[in-house]
C-alpha atoms as a PDB file:
ATOM      1  CA  MET A   1      34.921   9.354  21.572  1.00  0.00           C
ATOM      2  CA  LEU A   2      31.409   7.916  21.111  1.00  0.00           C
ATOM      3  CA  LYS A   3      29.862   7.238  24.491  1.00  0.00           C
ATOM      4  CA  LEU A   4      26.056   6.475  24.512  1.00  0.00           C
ATOM      5  CA  LEU A   5      23.094   7.506  26.759  1.00  0.00           C
ATOM      6  CA  LEU A   6      20.017   5.530  25.784  1.00  0.00           C
ATOM      7  CA  ASP A   7      16.743   7.366  26.507  1.00  0.00           C
ATOM      8  CA  GLU A   8      13.934   5.816  28.493  1.00  0.00           C
ATOM      9  CA  HIS A   9      12.082   4.654  25.349  1.00  0.00           C
ATOM     10  CA  ILE A  10      14.906   2.307  24.487  1.00  0.00           C
ATOM     11  CA  SER A  11      14.848  -1.141  26.165  1.00  0.00           C
ATOM     12  CA  PRO A  12      17.587  -1.840  28.769  1.00  0.00           C
ATOM     13  CA  GLU A  13      18.195  -5.003  26.906  1.00  0.00           C
ATOM     14  CA  VAL A  14      19.905  -2.831  24.136  1.00  0.00           C
ATOM     15  CA  ALA A  15      22.413  -1.493  26.766  1.00  0.00           C
ATOM     16  CA  GLY A  16      23.095  -5.027  27.982  1.00  0.00           C
ATOM     17  CA  GLY A  17      23.605  -6.317  24.431  1.00  0.00           C
ATOM     18  CA  LEU A  18      25.947  -3.464  23.467  1.00  0.00           C
ATOM     19  CA  ARG A  19      27.950  -4.075  26.725  1.00  0.00           C
ATOM     20  CA  ARG A  20      28.253  -7.809  25.880  1.00  0.00           C
ATOM     21  CA  LEU A  21      29.287  -7.357  22.309  1.00  0.00           C
ATOM     22  CA  ASN A  22      31.718  -4.535  22.774  1.00  0.00           C
ATOM     23  CA  ARG A  23      33.252  -3.932  26.168  1.00  0.00           C
ATOM     24  CA  SER A  24      35.118  -0.803  25.096  1.00  0.00           C
ATOM     25  CA  LEU A  25      31.793   0.979  24.243  1.00  0.00           C
ATOM     26  CA  VAL A  26      30.541   3.134  27.111  1.00  0.00           C
ATOM     27  CA  VAL A  27      26.763   2.742  27.420  1.00  0.00           C
ATOM     28  CA  HIS A  28      24.312   4.197  29.921  1.00  0.00           C
ATOM     29  CA  TRP A  29      20.663   3.800  30.094  1.00  0.00           C
ATOM     30  CA  ILE A  30      18.807   6.938  31.372  1.00  0.00           C
ATOM     31  CA  ALA A  31      17.045   4.937  34.164  1.00  0.00           C
ATOM     32  CA  GLU A  32      20.455   3.972  35.471  1.00  0.00           C
ATOM     33  CA  ARG A  33      21.502   7.657  35.899  1.00  0.00           C
ATOM     34  CA  GLY A  34      20.789   9.414  39.187  1.00  0.00           C
ATOM     35  CA  ASN A  35      18.951   6.432  40.759  1.00  0.00           C
ATOM     36  CA  GLY A  36      16.217   6.678  38.056  1.00  0.00           C
ATOM     37  CA  ASN A  37      15.609  10.426  38.647  1.00  0.00           C
ATOM     38  CA  PHE A  38      15.684  11.239  34.968  1.00  0.00           C
ATOM     39  CA  LEU A  39      12.775   8.943  34.192  1.00  0.00           C
ATOM     40  CA  GLY A  40       9.741  11.070  33.015  1.00  0.00           C
ATOM     41  CA  GLN A  41      11.811  14.221  33.128  1.00  0.00           C
ATOM     42  CA  GLU A  42      11.766  16.864  30.337  1.00  0.00           C
ATOM     43  CA  ASP A  43      13.803  16.164  27.204  1.00  0.00           C
ATOM     44  CA  SER A  44      15.996  19.089  28.107  1.00  0.00           C
ATOM     45  CA  ALA A  45      17.067  17.443  31.383  1.00  0.00           C
ATOM     46  CA  CYS A  46      18.111  14.312  29.448  1.00  0.00           C
ATOM     47  CA  LEU A  47      20.002  16.347  26.849  1.00  0.00           C
ATOM     48  CA  LEU A  48      21.648  18.414  29.530  1.00  0.00           C
ATOM     49  CA  GLU A  49      22.723  15.276  31.446  1.00  0.00           C
ATOM     50  CA  ALA A  50      24.147  13.923  28.196  1.00  0.00           C
ATOM     51  CA  ALA A  51      25.979  17.140  27.442  1.00  0.00           C
ATOM     52  CA  THR A  52      27.383  17.410  30.963  1.00  0.00           C
ATOM     53  CA  GLU A  53      28.826  13.935  30.816  1.00  0.00           C
ATOM     54  CA  ARG A  54      29.836  14.248  27.143  1.00  0.00           C
ATOM     55  CA  LEU A  55      27.455  11.343  26.206  1.00  0.00           C
ATOM     56  CA  THR A  56      25.572  10.998  22.892  1.00  0.00           C
ATOM     57  CA  LEU A  57      21.850  10.653  23.359  1.00  0.00           C
ATOM     58  CA  VAL A  58      20.220   7.803  21.472  1.00  0.00           C
ATOM     59  CA  THR A  59      16.489   8.423  21.012  1.00  0.00           C
ATOM     60  CA  TYR A  60      13.431   7.586  19.038  1.00  0.00           C
ATOM     61  CA  ASP A  61      12.005  11.001  19.865  1.00  0.00           C
ATOM     62  CA  ARG A  62      11.982  12.874  16.578  1.00  0.00           C
ATOM     63  CA  ARG A  63       9.108  15.103  17.664  1.00  0.00           C
ATOM     64  CA  THR A  64      10.504  17.219  20.464  1.00  0.00           C
ATOM     65  CA  ILE A  65      14.262  16.666  20.513  1.00  0.00           C
ATOM     66  CA  PRO A  66      14.949  18.518  17.038  1.00  0.00           C
ATOM     67  CA  ARG A  67      13.065  21.581  18.338  1.00  0.00           C
ATOM     68  CA  LEU A  68      15.245  21.438  21.553  1.00  0.00           C
ATOM     69  CA  LEU A  69      18.384  21.151  19.480  1.00  0.00           C
ATOM     70  CA  LYS A  70      17.311  24.172  17.364  1.00  0.00           C
ATOM     71  CA  THR A  71      16.773  26.164  20.554  1.00  0.00           C
ATOM     72  CA  TRP A  72      20.134  25.100  22.029  1.00  0.00           C
ATOM     73  CA  ALA A  73      21.934  26.010  18.708  1.00  0.00           C
ATOM     74  CA  GLU A  74      20.285  29.531  18.653  1.00  0.00           C
ATOM     75  CA  GLU A  75      21.479  29.964  22.287  1.00  0.00           C
ATOM     76  CA  GLY A  76      24.950  28.801  21.484  1.00  0.00           C
ATOM     77  CA  ARG A  77      24.733  25.844  23.884  1.00  0.00           C
ATOM     78  CA  LYS A  78      26.601  22.640  23.137  1.00  0.00           C
ATOM     79  CA  HIS A  79      25.419  19.029  23.395  1.00  0.00           C
ATOM     80  CA  GLY A  80      27.156  15.594  23.361  1.00  0.00           C
ATOM     81  CA  GLY A  81      25.476  14.594  20.053  1.00  0.00           C
ATOM     82  CA  VAL A  82      22.217  12.979  19.297  1.00  0.00           C
ATOM     83  CA  ILE A  83      21.537   9.736  17.358  1.00  0.00           C
ATOM     84  CA  PHE A  84      18.020   9.534  16.155  1.00  0.00           C
ATOM     85  CA  VAL A  85      16.367   6.110  15.454  1.00  0.00           C
ATOM     86  CA  ASP A  86      13.287   5.971  13.287  1.00  0.00           C
ATOM     87  CA  GLU A  87      10.785   3.315  14.457  1.00  0.00           C
ATOM     88  CA  LYS A  88       9.967   2.533  10.780  1.00  0.00           C
ATOM     89  CA  THR A  89      13.568   1.673  10.103  1.00  0.00           C
ATOM     90  CA  ILE A  90      14.443  -0.179  13.371  1.00  0.00           C
ATOM     91  CA  SER A  91      11.428  -1.025  15.478  1.00  0.00           C
ATOM     92  CA  PRO A  92      11.710  -0.461  19.299  1.00  0.00           C
ATOM     93  CA  ALA A  93      10.962  -4.131  19.623  1.00  0.00           C
ATOM     94  CA  ASP A  94      13.922  -5.089  17.344  1.00  0.00           C
ATOM     95  CA  ILE A  95      16.512  -5.165  20.214  1.00  0.00           C
ATOM     96  CA  GLY A  96      19.126  -7.037  17.955  1.00  0.00           C
ATOM     97  CA  GLY A  97      18.668  -4.778  15.078  1.00  0.00           C
ATOM     98  CA  LEU A  98      19.271  -1.693  17.160  1.00  0.00           C
ATOM     99  CA  VAL A  99      22.219  -3.310  19.008  1.00  0.00           C
ATOM    100  CA  TRP A 100      23.785  -4.393  15.600  1.00  0.00           C
ATOM    101  CA  ALA A 101      23.246  -0.953  14.052  1.00  0.00           C
ATOM    102  CA  LEU A 102      24.851   0.829  17.098  1.00  0.00           C
ATOM    103  CA  ILE A 103      27.805  -1.580  17.226  1.00  0.00           C
ATOM    104  CA  HIS A 104      28.561  -0.783  13.519  1.00  0.00           C
ATOM    105  CA  LEU A 105      28.198   2.862  14.113  1.00  0.00           C
ATOM    106  CA  PHE A 106      30.695   2.590  16.904  1.00  0.00           C
ATOM    107  CA  LYS A 107      33.133   0.764  14.718  1.00  0.00           C
ATOM    108  CA  GLU A 108      32.904   3.436  11.965  1.00  0.00           C
ATOM    109  CA  THR A 109      32.612   6.541  14.058  1.00  0.00           C
ATOM    110  CA  GLY A 110      33.629   5.763  17.545  1.00  0.00           C
ATOM    111  CA  ARG A 111      36.717   8.042  17.569  1.00  0.00           C
ATOM    112  CA  TRP A 112      34.872  11.000  16.255  1.00  0.00           C
ATOM    113  CA  ASP A 113      34.241  14.078  18.393  1.00  0.00           C
ATOM    114  CA  TRP A 114      30.447  13.867  18.738  1.00  0.00           C
ATOM    115  CA  THR A 115      30.000  17.315  20.170  1.00  0.00           C
ATOM    116  CA  ASP A 116      26.975  18.935  18.434  1.00  0.00           C
ATOM    117  CA  ARG A 117      26.717  16.078  15.947  1.00  0.00           C
ATOM    118  CA  VAL A 118      23.296  14.753  14.836  1.00  0.00           C
ATOM    119  CA  TYR A 119      23.062  11.356  13.222  1.00  0.00           C
ATOM    120  CA  PHE A 120      20.049   9.418  11.845  1.00  0.00           C
ATOM    121  CA  LEU A 121      20.709   5.777  12.420  1.00  0.00           C
ATOM    122  CA  ARG A 122      19.777   3.270   9.719  1.00  0.00           C
ATOM    123  CA  ARG A 123      19.371  -0.413   9.652  1.00  0.00           C
ATOM    124  CA  ARG A 124      22.484  -2.170   8.796  1.00  0.00           C
ATOM    125  CA  ALA A 125      22.129  -4.604   5.859  1.00  0.00           C
ATOM    126  CA  VAL A 126      23.296  -8.025   7.059  1.00  0.00           C
ATOM    127  CA  ARG A 127      23.687 -11.295   5.406  1.00  0.00           C
ATOM    128  CA  VAL A 128      23.610 -14.602   6.973  1.00  0.00           C
ATOM    129  CA  LEU A 129      26.652 -16.769   6.397  1.00  0.00           C
ATOM    130  CA  ARG A 130      25.628 -20.371   6.707  1.00  0.00           C
ATOM    131  CA  THR A 131      28.179 -22.548   8.481  1.00  0.00           C
ATOM    132  CA  ALA A 132      28.721 -26.124   7.800  1.00  0.00           C
ATOM    133  CA  SER A 133      27.668 -28.627  10.428  1.00  0.00           C
ATOM    134  CA  PRO A 134      29.678 -31.735   9.874  1.00  0.00           C
ATOM    135  CA  ILE A 135      28.191 -35.136  10.130  1.00  0.00           C
ATOM    136  CA  PRO A 136      30.133 -38.265  10.715  1.00  0.00           C
ATOM    137  CA  LYS A 137      32.128 -39.714   7.901  1.00  0.00           C
ATOM    138  CA  ARG A 138      30.521 -42.380   5.933  1.00  0.00           C
ATOM    139  CA  SER A 139      31.944 -45.217   3.718  1.00  0.00           C
ATOM    140  CA  LEU A 140      30.496 -45.878   0.407  1.00  0.00           C
ATOM    141  CA  PRO A 141      29.344 -49.436   0.248  1.00  0.00           C
ATOM    142  CA  LEU A 142      31.009 -51.714  -2.297  1.00  0.00           C
ATOM    143  CA  GLY A 143      28.918 -52.372  -5.238  1.00  0.00           C
ATOM    144  CA  PRO A 144      28.807 -52.192  -9.036  1.00  0.00           C
ATOM    145  CA  SER A 145      30.475 -49.274 -10.658  1.00  0.00           C
ATOM    146  CA  VAL A 146      28.365 -46.764 -12.557  1.00  0.00           C
ATOM    147  CA  ALA A 147      31.213 -44.682 -13.870  1.00  0.00           C
ATOM    148  CA  SER A 148      32.248 -44.620 -17.537  1.00  0.00           C
ATOM    149  CA  PRO A 149      35.094 -46.891 -18.549  1.00  0.00           C
ATOM    150  CA  GLU A 150      37.457 -43.888 -18.618  1.00  0.00           C
ATOM    151  CA  ILE A 151      36.662 -43.007 -15.026  1.00  0.00           C
ATOM    152  CA  GLN A 152      36.578 -46.624 -13.805  1.00  0.00           C
ATOM    153  CA  GLY A 153      40.363 -46.850 -14.299  1.00  0.00           C
ATOM    154  CA  ALA A 154      40.982 -43.795 -12.212  1.00  0.00           C
ATOM    155  CA  SER A 155      42.475 -43.872  -8.659  1.00  0.00           C
ATOM    156  CA  ALA A 156      39.128 -43.534  -6.819  1.00  0.00           C
ATOM    157  CA  VAL A 157      38.316 -46.620  -4.905  1.00  0.00           C
ATOM    158  CA  PRO A 158      34.711 -47.426  -4.261  1.00  0.00           C
ATOM    159  CA  SER A 159      35.370 -47.990  -0.590  1.00  0.00           C
ATOM    160  CA  GLN A 160      37.097 -44.594  -0.108  1.00  0.00           C
ATOM    161  CA  THR A 161      35.713 -42.584   2.894  1.00  0.00           C
ATOM    162  CA  PHE A 162      34.099 -39.233   2.119  1.00  0.00           C
ATOM    163  CA  SER A 163      32.920 -36.525   4.348  1.00  0.00           C
ATOM    164  CA  VAL A 164      29.699 -34.783   3.655  1.00  0.00           C
ATOM    165  CA  LEU A 165      29.202 -31.241   4.968  1.00  0.00           C
ATOM    166  CA  PRO A 166      25.536 -30.083   4.542  1.00  0.00           C
ATOM    167  CA  PHE A 167      24.730 -26.458   4.732  1.00  0.00           C
ATOM    168  CA  ARG A 168      21.751 -25.468   6.712  1.00  0.00           C
ATOM    169  CA  ILE A 169      20.372 -22.550   8.773  1.00  0.00           C
ATOM    170  CA  GLY A 170      19.005 -23.046  12.275  1.00  0.00           C
ATOM    171  CA  GLY A 171      18.812 -26.323  14.280  1.00  0.00           C
ATOM    172  CA  SER A 172      20.942 -27.161  17.247  1.00  0.00           C
ATOM    173  CA  ASP A 173      23.969 -28.301  15.335  1.00  0.00           C
ATOM    174  CA  SER A 174      24.619 -25.102  13.314  1.00  0.00           C
ATOM    175  CA  SER A 175      25.358 -21.532  13.914  1.00  0.00           C
ATOM    176  CA  GLN A 176      24.730 -18.349  12.104  1.00  0.00           C
ATOM    177  CA  LEU A 177      27.161 -15.457  11.657  1.00  0.00           C
ATOM    178  CA  LEU A 178      26.160 -11.976  10.673  1.00  0.00           C
ATOM    179  CA  GLU A 179      28.281  -9.662   8.667  1.00  0.00           C
ATOM    180  CA  GLU A 180      27.738  -6.307   7.205  1.00  0.00           C
ATOM    181  CA  GLU A 181      26.791  -6.439   3.671  1.00  0.00           C
ATOM    182  CA  HIS A 182      27.499  -2.823   2.488  1.00  0.00           C
ATOM    183  CA  GLY A 183      24.599  -2.880  -0.017  1.00  0.00           C
ATOM    184  CA  ARG A 184      25.891  -5.777  -2.063  1.00  0.00           C
ATOM    185  CA  HIS A 185      23.850  -8.983  -2.530  1.00  0.00           C
ATOM    186  CA  SER A 186      26.337 -11.720  -2.768  1.00  0.00           C
ATOM    187  CA  ASN A 187      23.799 -14.287  -1.728  1.00  0.00           C
ATOM    188  CA  PRO A 188      20.549 -13.405  -3.473  1.00  0.00           C
ATOM    189  CA  ARG A 189      18.776 -16.565  -2.143  1.00  0.00           C
ATOM    190  CA  PRO A 190      16.777 -15.952   0.942  1.00  0.00           C
ATOM    191  CA  PRO A 191      17.553 -18.196   3.993  1.00  0.00           C
ATOM    192  CA  GLN A 192      15.963 -21.487   4.089  1.00  0.00           C
ATOM    193  CA  PRO A 193      13.804 -22.534   7.115  1.00  0.00           C
ATOM    194  CA  PRO A 194      15.421 -24.992   9.552  1.00  0.00           C
ATOM    195  CA  ARG A 195      14.978 -28.697   8.672  1.00  0.00           C
END
Protein backbone atom coordinates (compact mmCIF):
# COMPACT_ATOMS: atom_id res chain seq x y z
CA MET A 1 0.00 0.00 0.00
CA LEU A 2 1.33 3.43 -0.93
CA LYS A 3 1.93 5.65 2.10
CA LEU A 4 3.89 8.86 1.59
CA LEU A 5 6.61 10.66 3.51
CA LEU A 6 7.24 14.11 1.99
CA ASP A 7 10.76 15.40 2.52
CA GLU A 8 11.52 18.82 3.98
CA HIS A 9 11.89 20.45 0.55
CA ILE A 10 8.23 19.80 -0.25
CA SER A 11 5.73 22.32 1.05
CA PRO A 12 3.46 21.23 3.92
CA GLU A 13 0.60 22.54 1.76
CA VAL A 14 1.12 19.49 -0.47
CA ALA A 15 0.44 17.21 2.51
CA GLY A 16 -2.66 19.23 3.36
CA GLY A 17 -3.92 19.12 -0.22
CA LEU A 18 -3.41 15.37 -0.47
CA ARG A 19 -5.24 14.80 2.81
CA ARG A 20 -8.17 16.93 1.71
CA LEU A 21 -8.53 15.30 -1.70
CA ASN A 22 -8.08 11.69 -0.61
CA ARG A 23 -8.67 10.79 3.01
CA SER A 24 -7.59 7.18 2.44
CA LEU A 25 -4.07 8.24 1.41
CA VAL A 26 -1.62 8.19 4.33
CA VAL A 27 0.62 11.27 4.09
CA HIS A 28 3.32 12.47 6.47
CA TRP A 29 5.54 15.51 6.15
CA ILE A 30 9.05 14.99 7.49
CA ALA A 31 8.78 18.02 9.82
CA GLU A 32 5.78 16.37 11.51
CA ARG A 33 7.81 13.26 12.36
CA GLY A 34 9.63 13.10 15.69
CA ASN A 35 8.68 16.67 16.69
CA GLY A 36 10.71 18.05 13.80
CA ASN A 37 13.88 16.16 14.71
CA PHE A 38 14.34 15.02 11.11
CA LEU A 39 14.66 18.55 9.72
CA GLY A 40 18.21 19.13 8.50
CA GLN A 41 19.18 15.49 9.11
CA GLU A 42 21.21 13.38 6.70
CA ASP A 43 19.24 11.85 3.85
CA SER A 44 20.02 8.40 5.23
CA ALA A 45 18.08 9.25 8.43
CA CYS A 46 15.03 10.26 6.37
CA LEU A 47 15.26 7.16 4.20
CA LEU A 48 15.70 4.96 7.28
CA GLU A 49 12.63 6.55 8.93
CA ALA A 50 10.64 5.93 5.77
CA ALA A 51 11.84 2.31 5.57
CA THR A 52 11.09 1.66 9.25
CA GLU A 53 7.53 2.96 8.91
CA ARG A 54 7.05 1.40 5.44
CA LEU A 55 6.58 4.87 3.93
CA THR A 56 7.54 5.89 0.41
CA LEU A 57 9.77 8.96 0.38
CA VAL A 58 8.77 11.75 -2.01
CA THR A 59 11.71 14.00 -2.82
CA TYR A 60 13.16 16.50 -5.27
CA ASP A 61 16.68 15.39 -4.23
CA ARG A 62 18.05 13.62 -7.27
CA ARG A 63 21.62 14.45 -6.31
CA THR A 64 22.23 12.46 -3.10
CA ILE A 65 19.33 10.02 -2.74
CA PRO A 66 20.23 7.92 -5.84
CA ARG A 67 23.77 7.35 -4.47
CA LEU A 68 22.27 6.39 -1.12
CA LEU A 69 19.86 3.94 -2.79
CA LYS A 70 22.77 2.36 -4.66
CA THR A 71 24.70 1.93 -1.40
CA TRP A 72 21.67 0.41 0.31
CA ALA A 73 21.10 -2.00 -2.58
CA GLU A 74 24.75 -3.12 -2.43
CA GLU A 75 24.37 -3.70 1.33
CA GLY A 76 21.11 -5.59 0.84
CA ARG A 77 19.10 -3.04 2.83
CA LYS A 78 15.46 -2.51 1.95
CA HIS A 79 13.64 0.82 1.72
CA GLY A 80 9.96 1.77 1.53
CA GLY A 81 10.27 3.16 -2.00
CA VAL A 82 11.22 6.54 -3.40
CA ILE A 83 9.28 8.86 -5.67
CA PHE A 84 11.54 11.38 -7.39
CA VAL A 85 10.09 14.67 -8.58
CA ASP A 86 11.98 16.75 -11.14
CA GLU A 87 11.75 20.51 -10.57
CA LYS A 88 11.76 21.03 -14.34
CA THR A 89 8.66 18.85 -14.67
CA ILE A 90 6.78 19.95 -11.54
CA SER A 91 8.10 23.09 -9.89
CA PRO A 92 8.30 23.05 -6.07
CA ALA A 93 6.09 26.16 -6.20
CA ASP A 94 3.42 24.27 -8.16
CA ILE A 95 1.60 22.86 -5.13
CA GLY A 96 -1.52 21.92 -7.10
CA GLY A 97 0.47 20.22 -9.85
CA LEU A 98 2.33 18.06 -7.36
CA VAL A 99 -0.84 17.22 -5.42
CA TRP A 100 -2.64 16.32 -8.65
CA ALA A 101 0.22 14.10 -9.88
CA LEU A 102 0.49 12.28 -6.53
CA ILE A 103 -3.28 11.74 -6.33
CA HIS A 104 -3.26 10.13 -9.77
CA LEU A 105 -0.23 8.03 -8.87
CA PHE A 106 -2.08 6.81 -5.77
CA LYS A 107 -5.16 5.94 -7.85
CA GLU A 108 -3.03 3.94 -10.29
CA THR A 109 -0.51 2.30 -7.94
CA GLY A 110 -1.85 2.68 -4.41
CA ARG A 111 -2.17 -1.06 -3.85
CA TRP A 112 1.31 -1.96 -5.05
CA ASP A 113 4.02 -3.14 -2.70
CA TRP A 114 6.37 -0.15 -2.79
CA THR A 115 9.31 -1.89 -1.07
CA ASP A 116 12.52 -1.04 -2.99
CA ARG A 117 10.50 0.62 -5.77
CA VAL A 118 11.83 3.80 -7.42
CA TYR A 119 9.47 5.98 -9.44
CA PHE A 120 10.01 9.21 -11.38
CA LEU A 121 6.87 11.28 -11.07
CA ARG A 122 5.70 13.16 -14.13
CA ARG A 123 3.21 15.94 -14.55
CA ARG A 124 -0.24 14.65 -15.28
CA ALA A 125 -1.79 16.01 -18.45
CA VAL A 126 -5.03 17.68 -17.54
CA ARG A 127 -7.79 19.26 -19.46
CA VAL A 128 -10.18 21.85 -18.24
CA LEU A 129 -13.79 20.95 -18.66
CA ARG A 130 -15.86 24.05 -18.92
CA THR A 131 -19.10 23.95 -17.02
CA ALA A 132 -22.12 25.87 -18.10
CA SER A 133 -23.23 28.70 -15.89
CA PRO A 134 -26.93 29.17 -16.52
CA ILE A 135 -28.40 32.60 -16.83
CA PRO A 136 -32.06 33.39 -16.31
CA LYS A 137 -34.50 32.33 -19.02
CA ARG A 138 -35.44 35.05 -21.43
CA SER A 139 -38.45 35.45 -23.66
CA LEU A 140 -37.93 36.45 -27.22
CA PRO A 141 -39.83 39.63 -27.99
CA LEU A 142 -42.70 39.49 -30.41
CA GLY A 143 -41.74 40.96 -33.71
CA PRO A 144 -41.55 40.39 -37.43
CA SER A 145 -40.50 36.94 -38.49
CA VAL A 146 -37.22 36.58 -40.35
CA ALA A 147 -37.62 32.88 -41.14
CA SER A 148 -38.27 31.51 -44.61
CA PRO A 149 -41.90 30.75 -45.53
CA GLU A 150 -41.30 27.00 -44.96
CA ILE A 151 -40.02 27.59 -41.42
CA GLN A 152 -42.67 30.22 -40.60
CA GLY A 153 -45.33 27.53 -40.70
CA ALA A 154 -43.47 25.34 -38.18
CA SER A 155 -44.54 24.95 -34.57
CA ALA A 156 -42.04 27.40 -33.07
CA VAL A 157 -43.82 30.37 -31.59
CA PRO A 158 -41.92 33.71 -31.45
CA SER A 159 -42.83 34.20 -27.79
CA GLN A 160 -41.49 30.77 -26.79
CA THR A 161 -39.06 30.85 -23.82
CA PHE A 162 -35.48 29.71 -24.42
CA SER A 163 -32.69 29.06 -21.97
CA VAL A 164 -29.19 30.18 -22.95
CA LEU A 165 -26.21 28.42 -21.36
CA PRO A 166 -22.95 30.28 -22.05
CA PHE A 167 -19.66 28.44 -21.57
CA ARG A 168 -16.88 30.35 -19.91
CA ILE A 169 -13.87 29.74 -17.71
CA GLY A 170 -13.30 31.63 -14.49
CA GLY A 171 -15.57 34.16 -12.89
CA SER A 172 -17.59 33.70 -9.74
CA ASP A 173 -20.53 31.98 -11.40
CA SER A 174 -18.69 29.07 -13.02
CA SER A 175 -16.44 26.26 -11.91
CA GLN A 176 -13.64 24.27 -13.43
CA LEU A 177 -13.20 20.53 -13.38
CA LEU A 178 -9.89 18.84 -14.00
CA GLU A 179 -9.65 15.43 -15.52
CA GLU A 180 -6.75 13.31 -16.60
CA GLU A 181 -6.18 13.54 -20.32
CA HIS A 182 -4.05 10.41 -20.98
CA GLY A 183 -2.18 12.13 -23.80
CA ARG A 184 -5.20 12.90 -26.00
CA HIS A 185 -6.16 16.41 -26.95
CA SER A 186 -9.91 16.28 -27.30
CA ASN A 187 -10.13 20.04 -26.85
CA PRO A 188 -7.26 21.57 -28.82
CA ARG A 189 -8.34 25.15 -28.12
CA PRO A 190 -6.55 26.81 -25.20
CA PRO A 191 -8.72 28.05 -22.30
CA GLN A 192 -10.07 31.54 -22.76
CA PRO A 193 -9.45 34.26 -20.15
CA PRO A 194 -12.35 35.12 -17.83
CA ARG A 195 -14.76 37.70 -19.16
